[in-house]
Amino acid sequence: MLGTGAGQSFTVSAWVCLTSTAHFATAVSQDGSTWSVFYLQYAKTGNRWAFSRNTRALSSAAPRLRTWTHLVGVYDADGG
């Protein structure tokens, strides 16, 4: 399990190949006590790759279907 508690920075990554933009598609997440503590995913809203924790960072371009893409999400606990 990835350490995501208070004061902990972390990085997650995945190679993904999106075949449809009809729905949200999560590549990596980690369950918390009530909801997932982060998501590395395709966000249908906005048609972008997204890394979400307390806020959502979106890719600058829409994903290309049927193309392998390396996604990386970085959370810096110090905010830097």
Protein backbone atom coordinates (compact mmCIF):
# COMPACT_ATOMS: atom_id res chain seq x y z
CA MET A 1 0.00 0.00 0.00
CA LEU A 2 1.22 3.46 -0.93
CA GLY A 3 1.77 5.89 1.96
CA THR A 4 -0.66 8.77 1.40
CA GLY A 5 -1.15 10.05 4.94
CA ALA A 6 -0.69 13.59 6.22
CA GLY A 7 2.71 15.00 5.30
CA GLN A 8 3.52 12.22 2.82
CA SER A 9 4.45 12.98 -0.78
CA PHE A 10 4.03 10.27 -3.41
CA THR A 11 4.17 9.48 -7.12
CA VAL A 12 2.02 7.01 -9.07
CA SER A 13 2.30 6.00 -12.70
CA ALA A 14 0.71 3.68 -15.23
CA TRP A 15 0.83 2.82 -18.90
CA VAL A 16 -2.71 3.00 -20.29
CA CYS A 17 -4.42 2.44 -23.62
CA LEU A 18 -7.80 4.16 -23.72
CA THR A 19 -10.29 2.58 -26.14
CA SER A 20 -13.35 4.74 -25.42
CA THR A 21 -14.19 8.18 -24.08
CA ALA A 22 -17.77 7.25 -23.20
CA HIS A 23 -17.10 6.99 -19.43
CA PHE A 24 -14.60 7.83 -16.71
CA ALA A 25 -11.78 5.26 -16.64
CA THR A 26 -9.50 4.91 -13.61
CA ALA A 27 -6.04 3.42 -14.11
CA VAL A 28 -4.79 3.68 -10.50
CA SER A 29 -6.47 4.60 -7.23
CA GLN A 30 -6.17 3.70 -3.57
CA ASP A 31 -9.14 3.20 -1.30
CA GLY A 32 -9.45 5.29 1.83
CA SER A 33 -11.87 4.92 4.73
CA THR A 34 -14.71 6.66 2.86
CA TRP A 35 -13.50 7.23 -0.73
CA SER A 36 -10.33 6.83 -2.73
CA VAL A 37 -7.46 9.06 -1.60
CA PHE A 38 -6.33 9.67 -5.20
CA TYR A 39 -7.26 8.81 -8.79
CA LEU A 40 -5.10 8.62 -11.91
CA GLN A 41 -7.71 8.46 -14.64
CA TYR A 42 -9.42 9.56 -17.80
CA ALA A 43 -11.97 12.24 -16.88
CA LYS A 44 -14.93 12.32 -19.23
CA THR A 45 -15.75 15.79 -17.94
CA GLY A 46 -13.32 17.91 -19.93
CA ASN A 47 -12.07 14.92 -21.99
CA ARG A 48 -8.64 14.94 -20.30
CA TRP A 49 -6.28 12.74 -18.33
CA ALA A 50 -6.53 13.65 -14.64
CA PHE A 51 -4.73 13.21 -11.35
CA SER A 52 -7.03 13.93 -8.42
CA ARG A 53 -6.36 14.16 -4.72
CA ASN A 54 -7.86 17.23 -3.04
CA THR A 55 -7.87 19.05 -6.37
CA ARG A 56 -7.68 17.82 -9.94
CA ALA A 57 -4.79 18.37 -12.34
CA LEU A 58 -5.74 17.91 -15.99
CA SER A 59 -3.64 17.19 -19.06
CA SER A 60 -3.31 20.02 -21.57
CA ALA A 61 -4.51 17.84 -24.46
CA ALA A 62 -7.26 15.30 -24.95
CA PRO A 63 -6.19 11.64 -24.96
CA ARG A 64 -5.67 9.75 -28.20
CA LEU A 65 -7.66 6.55 -28.45
CA ARG A 66 -5.88 3.20 -28.88
CA THR A 67 -2.50 4.79 -28.13
CA TRP A 68 -0.34 3.67 -25.21
CA THR A 69 0.23 6.64 -22.90
CA HIS A 70 2.42 6.91 -19.80
CA LEU A 71 0.57 8.74 -17.01
CA VAL A 72 2.33 10.06 -13.91
CA GLY A 73 0.70 11.76 -10.93
CA VAL A 74 2.82 13.53 -8.30
CA TYR A 75 1.53 14.75 -4.95
CA ASP A 76 3.92 17.09 -3.10
CA ALA A 77 2.87 17.31 0.54
CA ASP A 78 4.91 20.51 0.92
CA GLY A 79 2.97 22.14 -1.91
CA GLY A 80 6.13 22.97 -3.86
